[in-house]
Protein backbone atom coordinates (compact mmCIF):
# COMPACT_ATOMS: atom_id res chain seq x y z
CA UNK A 1 0.00 0.00 0.00
CA UNK A 2 1.33 3.42 -0.97
CA UNK A 3 1.88 5.84 1.90
CA UNK A 4 3.26 8.91 0.16
CA UNK A 5 2.99 10.20 -3.40
CA UNK A 6 4.61 13.40 -4.68
CA UNK A 7 2.87 15.02 -7.64
CA UNK A 8 4.26 17.54 -10.10
CA UNK A 9 1.93 19.38 -12.47
CA UNK A 10 3.14 21.09 -15.62
CA UNK A 11 2.13 24.48 -16.94
CA UNK A 12 -0.63 23.18 -19.22
CA UNK A 13 -2.16 21.46 -16.17
CA UNK A 14 -2.37 24.82 -14.35
CA UNK A 15 -3.26 27.18 -17.18
CA UNK A 16 -6.55 28.41 -15.70
CA UNK A 17 -9.06 27.88 -12.89
CA UNK A 18 -10.66 24.93 -14.70
CA UNK A 19 -7.30 23.14 -14.74
CA UNK A 20 -6.82 23.92 -11.03
CA UNK A 21 -10.11 22.12 -10.36
CA UNK A 22 -8.89 19.09 -12.30
CA UNK A 23 -5.72 19.03 -10.21
CA UNK A 24 -7.67 19.05 -6.95
CA UNK A 25 -9.96 16.26 -8.14
CA UNK A 26 -6.88 14.18 -9.01
CA UNK A 27 -5.41 14.75 -5.56
CA UNK A 28 -8.70 13.79 -3.92
CA UNK A 29 -8.78 10.46 -5.81
CA UNK A 30 -5.76 9.28 -3.80
CA UNK A 31 -5.32 10.64 -0.23
CA UNK A 32 -1.65 9.66 -0.18
CA UNK A 33 -0.94 12.37 -2.78
CA UNK A 34 0.37 14.75 -0.14
CA UNK A 35 2.95 16.92 -1.90
CA UNK A 36 2.46 19.05 -5.00
CA UNK A 37 5.06 20.81 -7.13
CA UNK A 38 3.54 23.26 -9.64
CA UNK A 39 5.00 24.88 -12.72
CA UNK A 40 3.96 28.38 -13.76
CA UNK A 41 0.66 28.62 -15.70
CA UNK A 42 1.16 27.60 -19.32
CA UNK A 43 -0.80 28.24 -22.48
CA UNK A 44 -4.61 28.15 -22.40
CA UNK A 45 -4.83 27.97 -26.19
CA UNK A 46 -2.52 27.80 -29.21
CA UNK A 47 -1.21 31.35 -29.45
CA UNK A 48 -1.50 32.17 -25.75
CA UNK A 49 1.51 33.24 -23.66
CA UNK A 50 3.26 31.18 -21.01
CA UNK A 51 3.62 33.16 -17.79
CA UNK A 52 7.35 32.39 -17.61
CA UNK A 53 7.88 33.86 -21.09
CA UNK A 54 6.05 37.02 -20.01
CA UNK A 55 8.21 37.29 -16.90
CA UNK A 56 11.38 37.00 -18.99
CA UNK A 57 9.99 39.70 -21.25
CA UNK A 58 9.28 41.98 -18.28
CA UNK A 59 12.80 41.52 -16.95
CA UNK A 60 14.35 42.21 -20.34
CA UNK A 61 12.35 45.41 -20.80
CA UNK A 62 13.07 46.63 -17.26
CA UNK A 63 16.78 45.87 -17.62
CA UNK A 64 16.80 47.99 -20.78
CA UNK A 65 15.08 50.88 -19.05
CA UNK A 66 11.85 50.32 -20.98
CA UNK A 67 8.31 50.10 -19.57
CA UNK A 68 6.96 46.61 -18.95
CA UNK A 69 3.42 47.51 -17.89
CA UNK A 70 1.74 45.78 -20.83
CA UNK A 71 3.22 42.27 -20.43
CA UNK A 72 2.91 42.50 -16.65
CA UNK A 73 -0.76 43.41 -16.99
CA UNK A 74 -1.23 40.09 -18.81
CA UNK A 75 0.53 38.28 -15.96
CA UNK A 76 -1.62 40.04 -13.40
CA UNK A 77 -4.78 39.13 -15.30
CA UNK A 78 -3.81 35.43 -15.41
CA UNK A 79 -3.40 35.12 -11.65
CA UNK A 80 -6.36 37.31 -10.73
CA UNK A 81 -8.66 35.37 -13.05
CA UNK A 82 -7.59 32.07 -11.44
CA UNK A 83 -8.05 33.47 -7.92
CA UNK A 84 -11.46 34.94 -8.76
CA UNK A 85 -12.62 31.82 -10.59
CA UNK A 86 -11.78 29.68 -7.55
CA UNK A 87 -13.01 32.25 -4.97
CA UNK A 88 -9.67 32.22 -3.16
CA UNK A 89 -9.01 34.23 -0.01
CA UNK A 90 -5.29 34.88 -0.46
CA UNK A 91 -4.42 38.49 -1.38
CA UNK A 92 -2.74 37.59 -4.64
CA UNK A 93 -2.98 41.21 -5.83
CA UNK A 94 -0.56 42.25 -3.08
CA UNK A 95 1.84 39.46 -4.07
CA UNK A 96 1.66 40.61 -7.70
CA UNK A 97 2.47 44.16 -6.57
CA UNK A 98 5.57 42.83 -4.81
CA UNK A 99 6.69 41.04 -7.96
CA UNK A 100 6.10 44.12 -10.12
CA UNK A 101 8.08 46.25 -7.70
CA UNK A 102 10.88 43.69 -7.66
CA UNK A 103 11.16 43.72 -11.44
CA UNK A 104 11.13 47.53 -11.49
CA UNK A 105 13.71 47.60 -8.71
CA UNK A 106 16.24 45.57 -10.72
CA UNK A 107 15.80 42.07 -9.36
CA UNK A 108 17.82 39.46 -11.23
CA UNK A 109 16.61 37.41 -14.17
CA UNK A 110 16.33 34.20 -12.13
CA UNK A 111 14.26 35.88 -9.41
CA UNK A 112 11.91 37.38 -11.98
CA UNK A 113 11.43 34.08 -13.86
CA UNK A 114 10.86 32.11 -10.66
CA UNK A 115 7.90 34.25 -9.62
CA UNK A 116 5.64 32.33 -12.02
CA UNK A 117 5.94 29.15 -9.96
CA UNK A 118 6.02 31.11 -6.69
CA UNK A 119 2.67 32.82 -7.34
CA UNK A 120 1.09 29.66 -8.74
CA UNK A 121 2.08 27.70 -5.63
CA UNK A 122 0.60 30.37 -3.37
CA UNK A 123 -2.72 30.11 -5.21
CA UNK A 124 -2.68 26.31 -5.15
CA UNK A 125 -1.81 26.12 -1.44
CA UNK A 126 -4.75 28.41 -0.63
CA UNK A 127 -7.08 26.43 -2.89
CA UNK A 128 -6.13 23.10 -1.32
CA UNK A 129 -5.73 24.34 2.24
CA UNK A 130 -2.17 22.97 2.25
CA UNK A 131 1.04 24.45 3.59
CA UNK A 132 3.10 26.64 1.24
CA UNK A 133 6.83 25.90 1.35
CA UNK A 134 9.09 28.29 -0.55
CA UNK A 135 11.55 26.29 -2.66
CA UNK A 136 14.21 28.85 -1.74
CA UNK A 137 14.08 27.49 1.82
CA UNK A 138 14.91 23.93 0.80
CA UNK A 139 16.67 23.76 -2.56
CA UNK A 140 20.27 24.95 -2.40
CA UNK A 141 22.56 26.07 -5.20
CA UNK A 142 26.35 26.43 -5.14
CA UNK A 143 27.90 29.82 -5.81
CA UNK A 144 28.54 28.79 -9.42
CA UNK A 145 24.81 28.20 -9.95
CA UNK A 146 24.85 24.39 -9.88
CA UNK A 147 22.67 22.35 -7.55
CA UNK A 148 24.13 21.51 -4.13
CA UNK A 149 22.60 18.05 -4.06
CA UNK A 150 23.74 17.02 -0.59
CA UNK A 151 22.74 20.27 1.10
CA UNK A 152 19.39 20.25 -0.72
CA UNK A 153 18.58 16.78 0.58
CA UNK A 154 19.45 17.91 4.10
CA UNK A 155 17.47 21.18 4.07
CA UNK A 156 14.47 20.00 2.07
CA UNK A 157 14.02 16.93 4.27
CA UNK A 158 14.08 19.16 7.34
CA UNK A 159 11.55 21.62 5.90
CA UNK A 160 9.12 18.81 5.01
CA UNK A 161 9.70 16.50 7.98
CA UNK A 162 6.44 17.44 9.75
CA UNK A 163 4.53 15.39 7.18
CA UNK A 164 1.95 18.09 6.47
CA UNK A 165 0.55 18.21 2.96
CA UNK A 166 2.51 20.91 1.17
CA UNK A 167 2.88 22.83 -2.09
CA UNK A 168 6.48 23.52 -3.15
CA UNK A 169 6.96 25.74 -6.24
CA UNK A 170 9.10 24.22 -8.97
CA UNK A 171 11.95 25.58 -11.09
CA UNK A 172 14.00 27.45 -8.49
CA UNK A 173 15.95 27.45 -5.25
CA UNK A 174 18.53 29.74 -3.70
CA UNK A 175 22.17 30.04 -2.81
CA UNK A 176 23.11 30.10 0.87
CA UNK A 177 23.12 33.91 0.73
CA UNK A 178 19.48 33.91 -0.39
CA UNK A 179 20.05 34.75 -4.05
CA UNK A 180 17.43 32.96 -6.14
CA UNK A 181 18.67 30.56 -8.83
CA UNK A 182 16.70 28.61 -11.40
CA UNK A 183 17.16 25.30 -13.14
CA UNK A 184 17.10 25.25 -16.94
CA UNK A 185 13.70 25.34 -18.61
CA UNK A 186 11.65 22.34 -17.56
CA UNK A 187 13.35 22.42 -14.16
CA UNK A 188 10.12 21.92 -12.21
CA UNK A 189 10.58 18.23 -13.04
CA UNK A 190 13.83 18.37 -11.08
CA UNK A 191 12.13 20.06 -8.13
CA UNK A 192 9.49 17.34 -8.06
CA UNK A 193 12.14 14.63 -8.05
CA UNK A 194 14.06 16.37 -5.24
CA UNK A 195 10.89 16.63 -3.14
CA UNK A 196 10.11 12.95 -3.78
CA UNK A 197 13.56 11.97 -2.58
CA UNK A 198 13.41 14.30 0.43
CA UNK A 199 10.20 12.72 1.75
CA UNK A 200 11.17 9.20 0.61
CA UNK A 201 8.04 8.94 -1.50
CA UNK A 202 6.69 5.65 -2.76
CA UNK A 203 6.00 7.16 -6.19
CA UNK A 204 6.75 10.42 -7.98
CA UNK A 205 3.89 11.33 -10.32
CA UNK A 206 4.62 13.77 -13.11
CA UNK A 207 1.35 15.10 -14.52
CA UNK A 208 1.38 16.75 -17.92
CA UNK A 209 -0.75 16.92 -21.08
CA UNK A 210 0.27 13.53 -22.52
CA UNK A 211 -0.46 10.01 -21.31
CA UNK A 212 3.14 8.93 -20.88
CA UNK A 213 5.76 7.96 -23.43
CA UNK A 214 5.18 6.75 -26.96
CA UNK A 215 7.26 4.13 -28.77
CA UNK A 216 8.16 6.58 -31.53
CA UNK A 217 7.79 10.22 -32.48
CA UNK A 218 4.14 10.78 -33.54
CA UNK A 219 5.41 13.29 -36.11
CA UNK A 220 7.08 10.35 -37.86
CA UNK A 221 4.84 7.39 -36.97
CA UNK A 222 1.09 7.86 -37.12
CA UNK A 223 -0.45 6.83 -33.80
CA UNK A 224 2.56 5.07 -32.20
CA UNK A 225 1.94 2.57 -29.42
CA UNK A 226 2.18 3.69 -25.81
CA UNK A 227 4.92 2.55 -23.44
CA UNK A 228 3.39 1.18 -20.24
CA UNK A 229 6.65 0.56 -18.40
CA UNK A 230 10.26 1.52 -18.91
CA UNK A 231 13.46 1.39 -16.86
CA UNK A 232 15.59 4.40 -16.03
CA UNK A 233 18.38 2.99 -18.19
CA UNK A 234 16.09 2.69 -21.19
CA UNK A 235 14.76 6.17 -20.59
CA UNK A 236 18.30 7.53 -20.46
CA UNK A 237 19.04 5.98 -23.85
CA UNK A 238 15.87 7.37 -25.42
CA UNK A 239 16.13 10.76 -23.71
CA UNK A 240 19.62 11.25 -25.06
CA UNK A 241 18.14 10.94 -28.54
CA UNK A 242 15.46 13.51 -27.76
CA UNK A 243 12.47 11.30 -26.90
CA UNK A 244 11.54 12.58 -23.48
CA UNK A 245 8.48 13.98 -21.76
CA UNK A 246 10.67 14.65 -18.72
CA UNK A 247 13.60 16.94 -18.18
CA UNK A 248 16.55 14.54 -18.37
CA UNK A 249 18.19 15.79 -15.14
CA UNK A 250 14.96 15.11 -13.25
CA UNK A 251 15.68 11.39 -13.36
CA UNK A 252 18.81 11.49 -11.22
CA UNK A 253 17.36 12.14 -7.71
CA UNK A 254 14.57 9.58 -7.96
CA UNK A 255 16.71 7.04 -9.81
CA UNK A 256 19.35 7.32 -7.10
CA UNK A 257 16.72 6.82 -4.39
CA UNK A 258 15.01 3.96 -6.25
CA UNK A 259 11.67 5.82 -6.43
CA UNK A 260 9.43 4.92 -9.40
CA UNK A 261 8.18 7.78 -11.59
CA UNK A 262 4.73 7.70 -13.16
CA UNK A 263 4.02 9.97 -16.16
CA UNK A 264 0.29 10.83 -16.14
CA UNK A 265 -2.17 12.97 -18.12
CA UNK A 266 -4.07 15.65 -16.18
CA UNK A 267 -6.86 15.57 -18.76
CA UNK A 268 -7.13 11.74 -18.59
CA UNK A 269 -6.66 11.04 -14.87
CA UNK A 270 -7.67 7.37 -15.07
CA UNK A 271 -5.12 6.51 -17.76
CA UNK A 272 -2.24 4.60 -16.06
CA UNK A 273 0.43 6.43 -18.10
CA UNK A 274 4.02 5.23 -18.19
CA UNK A 275 5.77 3.82 -15.12
CA UNK A 276 9.54 4.38 -14.94
CA UNK A 277 11.40 2.16 -12.48
CA UNK A 278 14.93 1.22 -11.55
CA UNK A 279 14.42 -2.43 -12.41
CA UNK A 280 12.10 -3.96 -14.96
CA UNK A 281 8.66 -4.83 -13.57
CA UNK A 282 7.57 -8.45 -13.44
CA UNK A 283 5.83 -8.58 -16.80
CA UNK A 284 4.42 -11.74 -18.31
CA UNK A 285 5.94 -10.88 -21.68
CA UNK A 286 8.50 -8.18 -22.22
CA UNK A 287 8.34 -6.58 -25.67
CA UNK A 288 11.50 -6.92 -27.73
CA UNK A 289 11.85 -3.17 -28.12
CA UNK A 290 10.66 -0.40 -25.82
CA UNK A 291 11.08 2.59 -28.11
CA UNK A 292 12.80 4.21 -31.07
CA UNK A 293 14.28 7.70 -31.14
CA UNK A 294 16.76 9.61 -33.22
CA UNK A 295 18.26 12.88 -34.41
CA UNK A 296 19.42 14.32 -37.68
CA UNK A 297 22.45 16.52 -38.20
CA UNK A 298 25.60 14.55 -37.37
CA UNK A 299 29.03 14.46 -38.99
CA UNK A 300 31.44 11.51 -39.08
CA UNK A 301 35.16 12.18 -38.87
CA UNK A 302 36.86 9.15 -40.41
CA UNK A 303 40.50 8.63 -39.46
CA UNK A 304 42.71 6.01 -41.11
CA UNK A 305 46.29 5.34 -40.02
CA UNK A 306 48.66 2.47 -40.69
CA UNK A 307 49.26 0.31 -37.59
CA UNK A 308 46.84 2.42 -35.57
CA UNK A 309 46.13 -0.45 -33.20
CA UNK A 310 49.78 -0.67 -32.11
CA UNK A 311 50.17 3.05 -31.36
CA UNK A 312 49.31 3.43 -27.69
CA UNK A 313 47.30 6.58 -26.97
CA UNK A 314 46.35 7.44 -30.56
CA UNK A 315 42.62 7.44 -29.85
CA UNK A 316 43.18 9.70 -26.84
CA UNK A 317 45.10 12.17 -29.02
CA UNK A 318 42.24 12.39 -31.52
CA UNK A 319 39.67 12.93 -28.81
CA UNK A 320 41.95 15.48 -27.15
CA UNK A 321 41.72 17.61 -30.28
CA UNK A 322 37.94 17.62 -30.00
CA UNK A 323 38.09 18.36 -26.29
CA UNK A 324 40.37 21.35 -26.89
CA UNK A 325 37.62 22.90 -29.02
CA UNK A 326 34.77 21.97 -26.69
CA UNK A 327 33.27 19.35 -29.02
CA UNK A 328 31.92 16.15 -27.47
CA UNK A 329 31.55 12.92 -29.41
CA UNK A 330 28.45 10.75 -29.64
CA UNK A 331 29.84 7.41 -30.85
CA UNK A 332 33.20 6.01 -31.91
CA UNK A 333 33.15 2.84 -34.06
CA UNK A 334 36.69 1.53 -34.66
CA UNK A 335 38.63 -0.89 -36.84
CA UNK A 336 42.25 -2.12 -36.73
CA UNK A 337 43.62 0.82 -38.69
CA UNK A 338 40.65 3.16 -38.58
CA UNK A 339 38.34 4.99 -36.24
CA UNK A 340 35.23 7.06 -36.81
CA UNK A 341 34.16 9.82 -34.45
CA UNK A 342 30.52 10.91 -34.66
CA UNK A 343 29.87 14.49 -33.59
CA UNK A 344 27.08 17.01 -33.82
CA UNK A 345 27.42 18.99 -37.07
CA UNK A 346 26.48 22.34 -35.44
CA UNK A 347 29.12 21.78 -32.74
CA UNK A 348 31.78 20.84 -35.30
CA UNK A 349 31.13 23.58 -37.83
CA UNK A 350 32.70 26.61 -36.04
CA UNK A 351 36.01 24.72 -35.60
CA UNK A 352 35.88 22.32 -38.55
CA UNK A 353 39.03 23.58 -40.32
CA UNK A 354 41.18 23.73 -37.18
CA UNK A 355 40.03 20.30 -35.89
CA UNK A 356 40.67 18.56 -39.19
CA UNK A 357 44.06 20.20 -39.56
CA UNK A 358 45.17 19.01 -36.12
CA UNK A 359 43.90 15.45 -36.66
CA UNK A 360 45.57 15.34 -40.08
CA UNK A 361 48.81 16.27 -38.35
CA UNK A 362 48.43 13.15 -36.15
CA UNK A 363 48.29 10.86 -39.19
CA UNK A 364 50.69 12.79 -41.42
CA UNK A 365 52.43 10.53 -43.92
CA UNK A 366 50.69 7.33 -42.89
CA UNK A 367 46.96 7.85 -43.19
CA UNK A 368 44.06 10.11 -44.10
CA UNK A 369 41.23 12.10 -42.55
CA UNK A 370 37.83 12.83 -44.06
CA UNK A 371 34.46 14.14 -42.93
CA UNK A 372 31.02 12.98 -44.02
CA UNK A 373 28.01 15.12 -43.12
CA UNK A 374 24.21 14.76 -43.15
CA UNK A 375 24.02 11.65 -41.01
CA UNK A 376 21.20 10.71 -38.67
CA UNK A 377 21.57 8.53 -35.59
CA UNK A 378 18.66 6.30 -34.58
CA UNK A 379 18.54 4.28 -31.36
CA UNK A 380 16.33 1.23 -30.99
CA UNK A 381 16.07 0.56 -27.25
CA UNK A 382 14.64 -2.38 -25.32
CA UNK A 383 15.40 -4.51 -22.29
CA UNK A 384 13.77 -7.39 -24.17
CA UNK A 385 16.53 -7.49 -26.78
CA UNK A 386 18.84 -9.55 -24.64
CA UNK A 387 16.20 -12.32 -24.34
CA UNK A 388 15.16 -12.41 -27.99
CA UNK A 389 17.46 -14.05 -30.50
CA UNK A 390 17.76 -12.49 -33.93
CA UNK A 391 16.82 -8.94 -32.94
CA UNK A 392 19.68 -7.39 -34.90
CA UNK A 393 18.90 -9.59 -37.91
CA UNK A 394 15.28 -8.45 -37.89
CA UNK A 395 16.28 -4.80 -37.57
CA UNK A 396 18.80 -4.83 -40.41
CA UNK A 397 16.56 -7.04 -42.51
CA UNK A 398 13.80 -4.46 -42.23
CA UNK A 399 16.21 -1.71 -43.24
CA UNK A 400 17.47 -3.78 -46.17
CA UNK A 401 13.95 -4.38 -47.48
CA UNK A 402 13.37 -0.63 -47.29
CA UNK A 403 16.60 -0.19 -49.31
CA UNK A 404 18.25 1.91 -46.60
CA UNK A 405 22.04 2.08 -46.54
CA UNK A 406 23.57 1.67 -43.08
CA UNK A 407 26.48 4.05 -42.52
CA UNK A 408 27.27 3.13 -38.92
CA UNK A 409 26.43 0.39 -36.40
CA UNK A 410 26.99 0.60 -32.66
CA UNK A 411 25.75 -1.81 -29.98
CA UNK A 412 26.73 -1.70 -26.32
CA UNK A 413 27.66 -4.81 -24.38
CA UNK A 414 24.51 -4.50 -22.29
CA UNK A 415 22.43 -5.23 -25.42
CA UNK A 416 20.02 -2.52 -24.31
CA UNK A 417 20.16 -0.63 -27.60
CA UNK A 418 21.18 -0.91 -31.23
CA UNK A 419 22.28 2.37 -32.79
CA UNK A 420 22.48 2.91 -36.52
CA UNK A 421 23.69 5.81 -38.60
CA UNK A 422 21.91 6.56 -41.88
CA UNK A 423 21.69 9.43 -44.32
CA UNK A 424 19.48 12.28 -43.14
CA UNK A 425 17.29 11.64 -46.16
CA UNK A 426 16.60 8.11 -44.84
CA UNK A 427 15.75 9.19 -41.28
CA UNK A 428 11.97 8.84 -41.41
CA UNK A 429 12.06 5.72 -43.60
CA UNK A 430 14.41 4.01 -41.13
CA UNK A 431 12.13 4.67 -38.16
CA UNK A 432 9.15 3.43 -40.17
CA UNK A 433 10.96 0.24 -41.17
CA UNK A 434 12.11 -0.62 -37.64
CA UNK A 435 8.83 0.30 -35.97
CA UNK A 436 6.68 -1.74 -38.32
CA UNK A 437 9.03 -4.72 -38.07
CA UNK A 438 8.74 -4.93 -34.28
CA UNK A 439 5.38 -3.31 -33.53
CA UNK A 440 3.33 -3.84 -36.65
């Protein structure tokens, strides 16, 4: 039996008073949902503004000595309309005045942006009758702006130790001197995970506007199947390739603590969503693949050198060149006298000439260096691969029938994923071929 659930609701789930009512009804369905982490109100309709975007706009205008009354009036209207629609008692107008004065008085960009979550949490706490806990009192940042994970666990656990139902605004915290800092966009997911770890929750529920993860990008595959369960390792593989409903950094606190994460849909509260766990659940039959994800826009630096395998440290020297220019590599297939380094084309482009010149110097007189652009990388991920013989044969057979040329193959020893490189022009066709081979 679950004793404690932490819930995080995204901006679309808190866009207006109607969405606030949905959130409360969800909380009332399960009494053990005792902690809530809200984002700032998001869009109510297609061309609407997100409150956070308006706050950034206000800060930018104020910093440039320009009036920001018009965008702030829109912010004020959003919060007042929610408060009035829910008949709340809290004096949100006074809180809005404080924020407006802070922006006018030169408060920093992080402070200004964080007020979206701050104000939303105040409204939600009043609506639910729960305790409001300022994230600045429990989430600690180092002086360089990075999260102080150990100190955060200590302070946040202390702030929440009384066990009272509480609302903790997402997205921000503070340095020890009180200066407000924010996570990157989507950082409310991280706050939710930190709260879940601090109270040792049984489950961390992340409520958004989708019913969990899909097996493929719906912009490529029409109506892809849903993923009911996935491990943190699988999610990491897919997230790296861009297939993520969650902020990638949000996985670390709950993964470390062994707390399952459930992705749910605020507009479909009875849909079970996707469960993310440290270890695979006890399923009767595990599907061969869990999901497919990929990116376009990679370059392959091909390096050939005679007797490369006998030259100790050669690979390190090549990678050192990339490191010197701040370029990270994605994959590195190798042969006896050759190695290929796959990098992001946008990252390579500013330093392309210098990087190639330095690598060519390493092989001077005994090899060659070339670059091939317009490559896509596609990862097929699944914990079921290791138990199903012939997975690779099926995958490459499907690609062959679709007449797709494979430019790169990479498979880790864990057999959790098979990664292929293809021409950008074959990106969509490759995903179609693999998906329909394994899913139908």
